């Protein structure tokens, strides 16, 4: 079993955030007041809107990203927000921010990993520099965050605490223009499933979050029709509601995401033909 590092001091590891699970796969959340939440990737888009929503619900929220100015704009409106600037690709920065957070709060109830990079790519534009950038942010960066959180969870012998990871419906199956982005998100889906096997029996929550198209600075670069496009504010509401209900697989908007989930069950000949017909790619 992993042991908490010598330098890691969790003064108050117990949480009152979670209640026993109902019909969901995770414990329920009825009251966010006083909950200690760390959102990594909170400067814009889904992360920023989720941070604001939880702050409005009374949670204590630590917000992290590379852009201090964007984080400070949130903190200027919500003084209870704790700004922890970091780059997820830098392991030492993530661990340092974790230690600073624990010194401030004494413990942590929930980590939401929203940070991610997006870039369209097809075989005629293959670029290893971009490949490595996406791997560093979308995969290695996520593992850096998990490494910071697991000792906290494993120190809580009576359970409590959780991890949520934002992946994407692009990880369900192969799609045009997602030559690198899609595989990184598929890996995160697999990761969430594996984490659930280990953390759920210990009483910890795991959330696998797969948004469809959300209006963010990342998707603004897309030059194709985005079915079911929703606002970042609505995405945040979907995530928070899903966690409150104890859902493991939080995906939205349901009409679009369920269509993709069904499509991946088709024989490949039919799947490739269907995606080509729908996207024109």
C-alpha atoms as a PDB file:
ATOM      1  CA  UNK A   1       0.000   0.000   0.000  1.00  0.00           C
ATOM      2  CA  UNK A   2       1.207   3.511  -0.820  1.00  0.00           C
ATOM      3  CA  UNK A   3       2.323   5.438   2.247  1.00  0.00           C
ATOM      4  CA  UNK A   4       1.975   9.196   2.625  1.00  0.00           C
ATOM      5  CA  UNK A   5       5.317  10.929   2.016  1.00  0.00           C
ATOM      6  CA  UNK A   6       7.182  12.076   5.126  1.00  0.00           C
ATOM      7  CA  UNK A   7       6.722  15.746   4.170  1.00  0.00           C
ATOM      8  CA  UNK A   8       2.973  15.405   3.663  1.00  0.00           C
ATOM      9  CA  UNK A   9       1.043  16.438   6.761  1.00  0.00           C
ATOM     10  CA  UNK A  10      -2.711  16.091   6.629  1.00  0.00           C
ATOM     11  CA  UNK A  11      -4.008  17.600   9.849  1.00  0.00           C
ATOM     12  CA  UNK A  12      -7.700  16.860   9.294  1.00  0.00           C
ATOM     13  CA  UNK A  13      -8.313  14.061   6.836  1.00  0.00           C
ATOM     14  CA  UNK A  14     -11.957  13.397   7.637  1.00  0.00           C
ATOM     15  CA  UNK A  15     -14.724  14.934   5.580  1.00  0.00           C
ATOM     16  CA  UNK A  16     -18.427  15.589   6.044  1.00  0.00           C
ATOM     17  CA  UNK A  17     -18.927  16.252   2.337  1.00  0.00           C
ATOM     18  CA  UNK A  18     -20.183  12.779   1.448  1.00  0.00           C
ATOM     19  CA  UNK A  19     -23.203  10.768   2.560  1.00  0.00           C
ATOM     20  CA  UNK A  20     -23.752   7.025   2.001  1.00  0.00           C
ATOM     21  CA  UNK A  21     -24.386   6.129  -1.635  1.00  0.00           C
ATOM     22  CA  UNK A  22     -27.956   5.896  -2.804  1.00  0.00           C
ATOM     23  CA  UNK A  23     -28.556   4.375  -6.210  1.00  0.00           C
ATOM     24  CA  UNK A  24     -25.417   5.996  -7.604  1.00  0.00           C
ATOM     25  CA  UNK A  25     -21.958   4.479  -7.814  1.00  0.00           C
ATOM     26  CA  UNK A  26     -20.465   7.159  -5.538  1.00  0.00           C
ATOM     27  CA  UNK A  27     -21.517   8.661  -2.195  1.00  0.00           C
ATOM     28  CA  UNK A  28     -24.069  11.485  -2.347  1.00  0.00           C
ATOM     29  CA  UNK A  29     -23.329  15.171  -1.767  1.00  0.00           C
ATOM     30  CA  UNK A  30     -26.141  17.228  -0.243  1.00  0.00           C
ATOM     31  CA  UNK A  31     -24.288  20.263   1.074  1.00  0.00           C
ATOM     32  CA  UNK A  32     -21.131  21.869  -0.326  1.00  0.00           C
ATOM     33  CA  UNK A  33     -20.747  24.365   2.508  1.00  0.00           C
ATOM     34  CA  UNK A  34     -17.248  24.132   3.929  1.00  0.00           C
ATOM     35  CA  UNK A  35     -16.138  21.450   1.463  1.00  0.00           C
ATOM     36  CA  UNK A  36     -12.487  21.717   0.438  1.00  0.00           C
ATOM     37  CA  UNK A  37     -12.232  21.456  -3.339  1.00  0.00           C
ATOM     38  CA  UNK A  38      -9.176  21.848  -5.549  1.00  0.00           C
ATOM     39  CA  UNK A  39      -9.889  22.550  -9.232  1.00  0.00           C
ATOM     40  CA  UNK A  40      -6.862  22.268 -11.506  1.00  0.00           C
ATOM     41  CA  UNK A  41      -7.425  23.983 -14.836  1.00  0.00           C
ATOM     42  CA  UNK A  42      -9.693  26.699 -13.454  1.00  0.00           C
ATOM     43  CA  UNK A  43      -8.623  29.795 -15.389  1.00  0.00           C
ATOM     44  CA  UNK A  44     -11.232  29.554 -18.173  1.00  0.00           C
ATOM     45  CA  UNK A  45     -14.074  27.443 -19.530  1.00  0.00           C
ATOM     46  CA  UNK A  46     -15.458  24.474 -17.642  1.00  0.00           C
ATOM     47  CA  UNK A  47     -12.956  24.717 -14.784  1.00  0.00           C
ATOM     48  CA  UNK A  48     -13.620  28.399 -14.122  1.00  0.00           C
ATOM     49  CA  UNK A  49     -17.396  27.998 -14.260  1.00  0.00           C
ATOM     50  CA  UNK A  50     -17.328  24.961 -11.975  1.00  0.00           C
ATOM     51  CA  UNK A  51     -15.193  26.868  -9.484  1.00  0.00           C
ATOM     52  CA  UNK A  52     -17.630  29.783  -9.467  1.00  0.00           C
ATOM     53  CA  UNK A  53     -20.628  27.489  -9.007  1.00  0.00           C
ATOM     54  CA  UNK A  54     -19.083  25.651  -6.080  1.00  0.00           C
ATOM     55  CA  UNK A  55     -17.969  28.911  -4.476  1.00  0.00           C
ATOM     56  CA  UNK A  56     -21.551  30.137  -4.741  1.00  0.00           C
ATOM     57  CA  UNK A  57     -22.677  26.918  -3.021  1.00  0.00           C
ATOM     58  CA  UNK A  58     -20.395  27.673  -0.095  1.00  0.00           C
ATOM     59  CA  UNK A  59     -17.414  25.443  -0.833  1.00  0.00           C
ATOM     60  CA  UNK A  60     -13.839  26.461  -0.208  1.00  0.00           C
ATOM     61  CA  UNK A  61     -12.234  26.235  -3.620  1.00  0.00           C
ATOM     62  CA  UNK A  62      -8.548  26.289  -4.539  1.00  0.00           C
ATOM     63  CA  UNK A  63      -8.112  27.286  -8.180  1.00  0.00           C
ATOM     64  CA  UNK A  64      -5.052  26.383 -10.200  1.00  0.00           C
ATOM     65  CA  UNK A  65      -3.762  27.028 -13.715  1.00  0.00           C
ATOM     66  CA  UNK A  66      -0.787  28.707 -15.352  1.00  0.00           C
ATOM     67  CA  UNK A  67      -2.485  32.106 -15.780  1.00  0.00           C
ATOM     68  CA  UNK A  68      -2.380  33.927 -12.469  1.00  0.00           C
ATOM     69  CA  UNK A  69      -4.258  36.950 -13.830  1.00  0.00           C
ATOM     70  CA  UNK A  70      -7.248  34.843 -14.893  1.00  0.00           C
ATOM     71  CA  UNK A  71      -7.321  33.060 -11.533  1.00  0.00           C
ATOM     72  CA  UNK A  72      -7.093  36.367  -9.684  1.00  0.00           C
ATOM     73  CA  UNK A  73     -10.123  37.672 -11.577  1.00  0.00           C
ATOM     74  CA  UNK A  74     -12.151  34.864 -10.033  1.00  0.00           C
ATOM     75  CA  UNK A  75     -10.648  35.507  -6.594  1.00  0.00           C
ATOM     76  CA  UNK A  76     -11.484  39.210  -6.872  1.00  0.00           C
ATOM     77  CA  UNK A  77     -15.159  38.258  -7.151  1.00  0.00           C
ATOM     78  CA  UNK A  78     -14.998  35.349  -4.697  1.00  0.00           C
ATOM     79  CA  UNK A  79     -12.555  36.258  -1.898  1.00  0.00           C
ATOM     80  CA  UNK A  80     -12.872  32.756  -0.394  1.00  0.00           C
ATOM     81  CA  UNK A  81     -11.099  31.295  -3.445  1.00  0.00           C
ATOM     82  CA  UNK A  82      -7.487  30.244  -2.909  1.00  0.00           C
ATOM     83  CA  UNK A  83      -5.206  30.946  -5.885  1.00  0.00           C
ATOM     84  CA  UNK A  84      -2.472  28.349  -6.489  1.00  0.00           C
ATOM     85  CA  UNK A  85      -0.683  29.031  -9.772  1.00  0.00           C
ATOM     86  CA  UNK A  86       0.965  26.002 -11.363  1.00  0.00           C
ATOM     87  CA  UNK A  87       1.792  24.205 -14.596  1.00  0.00           C
ATOM     88  CA  UNK A  88       0.497  20.614 -14.524  1.00  0.00           C
ATOM     89  CA  UNK A  89       3.420  19.470 -16.656  1.00  0.00           C
ATOM     90  CA  UNK A  90       5.760  20.412 -13.783  1.00  0.00           C
ATOM     91  CA  UNK A  91       5.449  17.716 -11.131  1.00  0.00           C
ATOM     92  CA  UNK A  92       7.268  19.704  -8.465  1.00  0.00           C
ATOM     93  CA  UNK A  93       4.896  22.657  -8.912  1.00  0.00           C
ATOM     94  CA  UNK A  94       1.868  20.423  -8.411  1.00  0.00           C
ATOM     95  CA  UNK A  95       3.292  18.888  -5.230  1.00  0.00           C
ATOM     96  CA  UNK A  96       4.312  22.305  -3.913  1.00  0.00           C
ATOM     97  CA  UNK A  97       0.792  23.659  -4.493  1.00  0.00           C
ATOM     98  CA  UNK A  98      -0.639  20.593  -2.741  1.00  0.00           C
ATOM     99  CA  UNK A  99       1.543  21.207   0.300  1.00  0.00           C
ATOM    100  CA  UNK A 100       0.574  24.879   0.357  1.00  0.00           C
ATOM    101  CA  UNK A 101      -3.095  23.940   0.205  1.00  0.00           C
ATOM    102  CA  UNK A 102      -2.753  21.464   3.072  1.00  0.00           C
ATOM    103  CA  UNK A 103      -0.929  24.049   5.157  1.00  0.00           C
ATOM    104  CA  UNK A 104      -3.862  26.404   4.570  1.00  0.00           C
ATOM    105  CA  UNK A 105      -6.764  23.978   4.986  1.00  0.00           C
ATOM    106  CA  UNK A 106      -5.384  20.931   6.798  1.00  0.00           C
ATOM    107  CA  UNK A 107      -7.038  18.527   4.351  1.00  0.00           C
ATOM    108  CA  UNK A 108      -8.752  18.152   1.014  1.00  0.00           C
ATOM    109  CA  UNK A 109     -12.121  16.628   0.126  1.00  0.00           C
ATOM    110  CA  UNK A 110     -12.186  16.678  -3.665  1.00  0.00           C
ATOM    111  CA  UNK A 111      -9.769  17.192  -6.545  1.00  0.00           C
ATOM    112  CA  UNK A 112     -11.183  18.024  -9.976  1.00  0.00           C
ATOM    113  CA  UNK A 113      -8.661  17.744 -12.809  1.00  0.00           C
ATOM    114  CA  UNK A 114      -9.941  19.854 -15.692  1.00  0.00           C
ATOM    115  CA  UNK A 115      -6.637  20.953 -17.218  1.00  0.00           C
ATOM    116  CA  UNK A 116      -6.149  19.829 -20.781  1.00  0.00           C
ATOM    117  CA  UNK A 117      -4.803  20.832 -24.174  1.00  0.00           C
ATOM    118  CA  UNK A 118      -6.573  20.534 -27.515  1.00  0.00           C
ATOM    119  CA  UNK A 119      -5.257  20.532 -31.053  1.00  0.00           C
ATOM    120  CA  UNK A 120      -6.746  19.237 -34.285  1.00  0.00           C
ATOM    121  CA  UNK A 121      -4.514  16.826 -36.154  1.00  0.00           C
ATOM    122  CA  UNK A 122      -4.729  14.516 -39.163  1.00  0.00           C
ATOM    123  CA  UNK A 123      -1.990  12.465 -40.783  1.00  0.00           C
ATOM    124  CA  UNK A 124      -1.032  15.204 -43.247  1.00  0.00           C
ATOM    125  CA  UNK A 125      -0.350  17.613 -40.364  1.00  0.00           C
ATOM    126  CA  UNK A 126       1.359  15.190 -37.987  1.00  0.00           C
ATOM    127  CA  UNK A 127       3.711  17.095 -35.680  1.00  0.00           C
ATOM    128  CA  UNK A 128       5.668  15.387 -32.895  1.00  0.00           C
ATOM    129  CA  UNK A 129       6.125  18.670 -31.031  1.00  0.00           C
ATOM    130  CA  UNK A 130       2.348  18.981 -30.740  1.00  0.00           C
ATOM    131  CA  UNK A 131       2.031  15.282 -29.912  1.00  0.00           C
ATOM    132  CA  UNK A 132       4.415  15.670 -26.991  1.00  0.00           C
ATOM    133  CA  UNK A 133       2.650  18.796 -25.789  1.00  0.00           C
ATOM    134  CA  UNK A 134      -0.706  17.000 -25.653  1.00  0.00           C
ATOM    135  CA  UNK A 135       0.845  13.977 -23.955  1.00  0.00           C
ATOM    136  CA  UNK A 136       2.526  16.208 -21.361  1.00  0.00           C
ATOM    137  CA  UNK A 137      -0.660  18.107 -20.474  1.00  0.00           C
ATOM    138  CA  UNK A 138      -3.431  15.565 -21.011  1.00  0.00           C
ATOM    139  CA  UNK A 139      -1.691  12.490 -19.607  1.00  0.00           C
ATOM    140  CA  UNK A 140       1.473  13.207 -17.648  1.00  0.00           C
ATOM    141  CA  UNK A 141      -0.112  16.313 -16.139  1.00  0.00           C
ATOM    142  CA  UNK A 142      -3.093  14.299 -14.925  1.00  0.00           C
ATOM    143  CA  UNK A 143      -0.816  11.689 -13.351  1.00  0.00           C
ATOM    144  CA  UNK A 144       1.101  14.480 -11.607  1.00  0.00           C
ATOM    145  CA  UNK A 145      -2.188  15.595 -10.040  1.00  0.00           C
ATOM    146  CA  UNK A 146      -3.164  12.067  -9.054  1.00  0.00           C
ATOM    147  CA  UNK A 147       0.218  11.571  -7.434  1.00  0.00           C
ATOM    148  CA  UNK A 148      -0.464  14.650  -5.315  1.00  0.00           C
ATOM    149  CA  UNK A 149      -3.949  13.459  -4.253  1.00  0.00           C
ATOM    150  CA  UNK A 150      -3.568   9.726  -3.625  1.00  0.00           C
ATOM    151  CA  UNK A 151      -1.533  10.011  -0.395  1.00  0.00           C
ATOM    152  CA  UNK A 152      -4.289  12.245   1.022  1.00  0.00           C
ATOM    153  CA  UNK A 153      -7.011   9.735   0.146  1.00  0.00           C
ATOM    154  CA  UNK A 154      -5.052   6.722   1.355  1.00  0.00           C
ATOM    155  CA  UNK A 155      -4.424   8.418   4.711  1.00  0.00           C
ATOM    156  CA  UNK A 156      -8.187   8.514   5.278  1.00  0.00           C
ATOM    157  CA  UNK A 157      -8.829   5.075   6.721  1.00  0.00           C
ATOM    158  CA  UNK A 158     -12.571   5.645   7.005  1.00  0.00           C
ATOM    159  CA  UNK A 159     -12.994   6.745   3.405  1.00  0.00           C
ATOM    160  CA  UNK A 160     -14.166  10.114   2.192  1.00  0.00           C
ATOM    161  CA  UNK A 161     -12.649  12.346  -0.430  1.00  0.00           C
ATOM    162  CA  UNK A 162     -12.695  11.944  -4.174  1.00  0.00           C
ATOM    163  CA  UNK A 163     -11.126  12.588  -7.569  1.00  0.00           C
ATOM    164  CA  UNK A 164     -12.854  13.799 -10.722  1.00  0.00           C
ATOM    165  CA  UNK A 165     -11.152  13.792 -14.129  1.00  0.00           C
ATOM    166  CA  UNK A 166     -12.476  15.648 -17.163  1.00  0.00           C
ATOM    167  CA  UNK A 167     -11.906  13.550 -20.277  1.00  0.00           C
ATOM    168  CA  UNK A 168     -14.032  13.913 -23.435  1.00  0.00           C
ATOM    169  CA  UNK A 169     -16.456  12.034 -25.662  1.00  0.00           C
ATOM    170  CA  UNK A 170     -13.554  12.114 -28.141  1.00  0.00           C
ATOM    171  CA  UNK A 171     -12.147   9.297 -26.035  1.00  0.00           C
ATOM    172  CA  UNK A 172     -15.054   6.951 -26.726  1.00  0.00           C
ATOM    173  CA  UNK A 173     -13.753   5.938 -30.165  1.00  0.00           C
ATOM    174  CA  UNK A 174     -11.628   7.207 -33.057  1.00  0.00           C
ATOM    175  CA  UNK A 175     -12.744  10.428 -34.738  1.00  0.00           C
ATOM    176  CA  UNK A 176     -11.434  12.562 -37.613  1.00  0.00           C
ATOM    177  CA  UNK A 177      -9.097  15.404 -36.590  1.00  0.00           C
ATOM    178  CA  UNK A 178      -8.515  13.777 -33.191  1.00  0.00           C
ATOM    179  CA  UNK A 179      -5.383  11.809 -34.035  1.00  0.00           C
ATOM    180  CA  UNK A 180      -3.653  12.678 -30.758  1.00  0.00           C
ATOM    181  CA  UNK A 181      -6.299  14.424 -28.645  1.00  0.00           C
ATOM    182  CA  UNK A 182      -8.655  11.436 -28.877  1.00  0.00           C
ATOM    183  CA  UNK A 183      -6.143   8.825 -27.686  1.00  0.00           C
ATOM    184  CA  UNK A 184      -5.150  10.973 -24.689  1.00  0.00           C
ATOM    185  CA  UNK A 185      -8.796  11.232 -23.673  1.00  0.00           C
ATOM    186  CA  UNK A 186      -9.357   7.510 -24.232  1.00  0.00           C
ATOM    187  CA  UNK A 187      -6.490   6.896 -21.818  1.00  0.00           C
ATOM    188  CA  UNK A 188      -8.183   9.070 -19.195  1.00  0.00           C
ATOM    189  CA  UNK A 189     -11.403   7.077 -19.516  1.00  0.00           C
ATOM    190  CA  UNK A 190      -9.430   3.892 -18.896  1.00  0.00           C
ATOM    191  CA  UNK A 191      -7.656   5.577 -15.991  1.00  0.00           C
ATOM    192  CA  UNK A 192     -10.924   6.575 -14.300  1.00  0.00           C
ATOM    193  CA  UNK A 193     -12.239   3.036 -14.603  1.00  0.00           C
ATOM    194  CA  UNK A 194      -9.054   1.639 -13.073  1.00  0.00           C
ATOM    195  CA  UNK A 195      -9.100   4.182 -10.246  1.00  0.00           C
ATOM    196  CA  UNK A 196     -12.673   3.215  -9.418  1.00  0.00           C
ATOM    197  CA  UNK A 197     -11.654  -0.416  -8.875  1.00  0.00           C
ATOM    198  CA  UNK A 198      -9.086   0.681  -6.284  1.00  0.00           C
ATOM    199  CA  UNK A 199     -10.699   3.691  -4.617  1.00  0.00           C
ATOM    200  CA  UNK A 200     -14.387   2.758  -4.434  1.00  0.00           C
ATOM    201  CA  UNK A 201     -13.861  -0.166  -2.003  1.00  0.00           C
ATOM    202  CA  UNK A 202     -11.986   2.252   0.265  1.00  0.00           C
ATOM    203  CA  UNK A 203     -14.953   4.627   0.365  1.00  0.00           C
ATOM    204  CA  UNK A 204     -13.615   7.259  -2.050  1.00  0.00           C
ATOM    205  CA  UNK A 205     -15.503   8.827  -4.949  1.00  0.00           C
ATOM    206  CA  UNK A 206     -14.297   8.725  -8.563  1.00  0.00           C
ATOM    207  CA  UNK A 207     -15.918  10.808 -11.296  1.00  0.00           C
ATOM    208  CA  UNK A 208     -15.307  10.156 -14.992  1.00  0.00           C
ATOM    209  CA  UNK A 209     -16.463  13.342 -16.745  1.00  0.00           C
ATOM    210  CA  UNK A 210     -16.969  13.259 -20.524  1.00  0.00           C
ATOM    211  CA  UNK A 211     -18.301  16.500 -22.006  1.00  0.00           C
ATOM    212  CA  UNK A 212     -19.486  16.804 -25.577  1.00  0.00           C
ATOM    213  CA  UNK A 213     -18.906  20.107 -27.357  1.00  0.00           C
ATOM    214  CA  UNK A 214     -18.651  23.012 -24.897  1.00  0.00           C
ATOM    215  CA  UNK A 215     -18.175  26.639 -25.902  1.00  0.00           C
ATOM    216  CA  UNK A 216     -14.667  27.371 -24.595  1.00  0.00           C
ATOM    217  CA  UNK A 217     -11.519  29.057 -25.966  1.00  0.00           C
ATOM    218  CA  UNK A 218     -10.351  25.572 -27.043  1.00  0.00           C
ATOM    219  CA  UNK A 219     -13.408  24.734 -29.172  1.00  0.00           C
ATOM    220  CA  UNK A 220     -13.526  28.246 -30.648  1.00  0.00           C
ATOM    221  CA  UNK A 221     -10.846  27.129 -33.116  1.00  0.00           C
ATOM    222  CA  UNK A 222     -13.056  24.386 -34.598  1.00  0.00           C
ATOM    223  CA  UNK A 223     -14.117  25.025 -38.198  1.00  0.00           C
ATOM    224  CA  UNK A 224     -16.847  22.376 -38.309  1.00  0.00           C
ATOM    225  CA  UNK A 225     -20.389  22.041 -36.981  1.00  0.00           C
ATOM    226  CA  UNK A 226     -20.396  21.022 -33.299  1.00  0.00           C
ATOM    227  CA  UNK A 227     -23.606  19.085 -32.520  1.00  0.00           C
ATOM    228  CA  UNK A 228     -25.173  19.779 -29.138  1.00  0.00           C
ATOM    229  CA  UNK A 229     -22.854  22.702 -28.333  1.00  0.00           C
ATOM    230  CA  UNK A 230     -23.518  23.973 -24.800  1.00  0.00           C
ATOM    231  CA  UNK A 231     -22.149  26.776 -22.624  1.00  0.00           C
ATOM    232  CA  UNK A 232     -19.404  26.274 -20.053  1.00  0.00           C
ATOM    233  CA  UNK A 233     -21.892  27.353 -17.387  1.00  0.00           C
ATOM    234  CA  UNK A 234     -24.259  24.541 -18.293  1.00  0.00           C
ATOM    235  CA  UNK A 235     -21.360  22.085 -18.358  1.00  0.00           C
ATOM    236  CA  UNK A 236     -20.429  23.131 -14.819  1.00  0.00           C
ATOM    237  CA  UNK A 237     -24.011  22.594 -13.672  1.00  0.00           C
ATOM    238  CA  UNK A 238     -24.035  19.117 -15.233  1.00  0.00           C
ATOM    239  CA  UNK A 239     -20.807  18.211 -13.451  1.00  0.00           C
ATOM    240  CA  UNK A 240     -21.913  19.473 -10.049  1.00  0.00           C
ATOM    241  CA  UNK A 241     -25.343  17.856 -10.315  1.00  0.00           C
ATOM    242  CA  UNK A 242     -23.753  14.565 -11.360  1.00  0.00           C
ATOM    243  CA  UNK A 243     -21.419  14.591  -8.374  1.00  0.00           C
ATOM    244  CA  UNK A 244     -24.262  15.434  -6.019  1.00  0.00           C
ATOM    245  CA  UNK A 245     -26.185  12.390  -7.293  1.00  0.00           C
ATOM    246  CA  UNK A 246     -23.198  10.086  -6.907  1.00  0.00           C
ATOM    247  CA  UNK A 247     -22.793   9.451 -10.639  1.00  0.00           C
ATOM    248  CA  UNK A 248     -19.558   7.825 -11.827  1.00  0.00           C
ATOM    249  CA  UNK A 249     -19.881   8.531 -15.570  1.00  0.00           C
ATOM    250  CA  UNK A 250     -20.958  12.159 -15.944  1.00  0.00           C
ATOM    251  CA  UNK A 251     -21.542  12.928 -19.624  1.00  0.00           C
ATOM    252  CA  UNK A 252     -23.446  15.675 -21.412  1.00  0.00           C
ATOM    253  CA  UNK A 253     -25.418  16.776 -23.357  1.00  0.00           C
ATOM    254  CA  UNK A 254     -27.101  13.380 -23.151  1.00  0.00           C
ATOM    255  CA  UNK A 255     -28.666  13.433 -26.625  1.00  0.00           C
ATOM    256  CA  UNK A 256     -25.270  13.768 -28.271  1.00  0.00           C
ATOM    257  CA  UNK A 257     -23.155  11.730 -25.868  1.00  0.00           C
ATOM    258  CA  UNK A 258     -25.559   8.775 -25.845  1.00  0.00           C
ATOM    259  CA  UNK A 259     -25.563   8.809 -29.651  1.00  0.00           C
ATOM    260  CA  UNK A 260     -21.778   8.504 -29.664  1.00  0.00           C
ATOM    261  CA  UNK A 261     -21.861   5.766 -27.043  1.00  0.00           C
ATOM    262  CA  UNK A 262     -24.260   3.753 -29.184  1.00  0.00           C
ATOM    263  CA  UNK A 263     -22.276   4.425 -32.373  1.00  0.00           C
ATOM    264  CA  UNK A 264     -19.139   2.834 -30.957  1.00  0.00           C
ATOM    265  CA  UNK A 265     -21.037  -0.437 -30.518  1.00  0.00           C
ATOM    266  CA  UNK A 266     -21.653  -0.722 -34.261  1.00  0.00           C
ATOM    267  CA  UNK A 267     -19.533  -2.963 -36.511  1.00  0.00           C
ATOM    268  CA  UNK A 268     -16.542  -0.930 -37.687  1.00  0.00           C
ATOM    269  CA  UNK A 269     -17.702  -0.851 -41.307  1.00  0.00           C
ATOM    270  CA  UNK A 270     -20.955   0.796 -40.211  1.00  0.00           C
ATOM    271  CA  UNK A 271     -19.232   3.043 -37.648  1.00  0.00           C
ATOM    272  CA  UNK A 272     -16.727   4.505 -40.119  1.00  0.00           C
ATOM    273  CA  UNK A 273     -19.461   5.065 -42.697  1.00  0.00           C
ATOM    274  CA  UNK A 274     -21.743   6.753 -40.153  1.00  0.00           C
ATOM    275  CA  UNK A 275     -19.078   9.124 -38.799  1.00  0.00           C
ATOM    276  CA  UNK A 276     -17.978  10.022 -42.329  1.00  0.00           C
ATOM    277  CA  UNK A 277     -21.569  10.781 -43.315  1.00  0.00           C
ATOM    278  CA  UNK A 278     -22.256  12.906 -40.220  1.00  0.00           C
ATOM    279  CA  UNK A 279     -18.994  14.888 -40.243  1.00  0.00           C
ATOM    280  CA  UNK A 280     -18.216  14.949 -43.953  1.00  0.00           C
ATOM    281  CA  UNK A 281     -14.614  14.082 -42.995  1.00  0.00           C
END
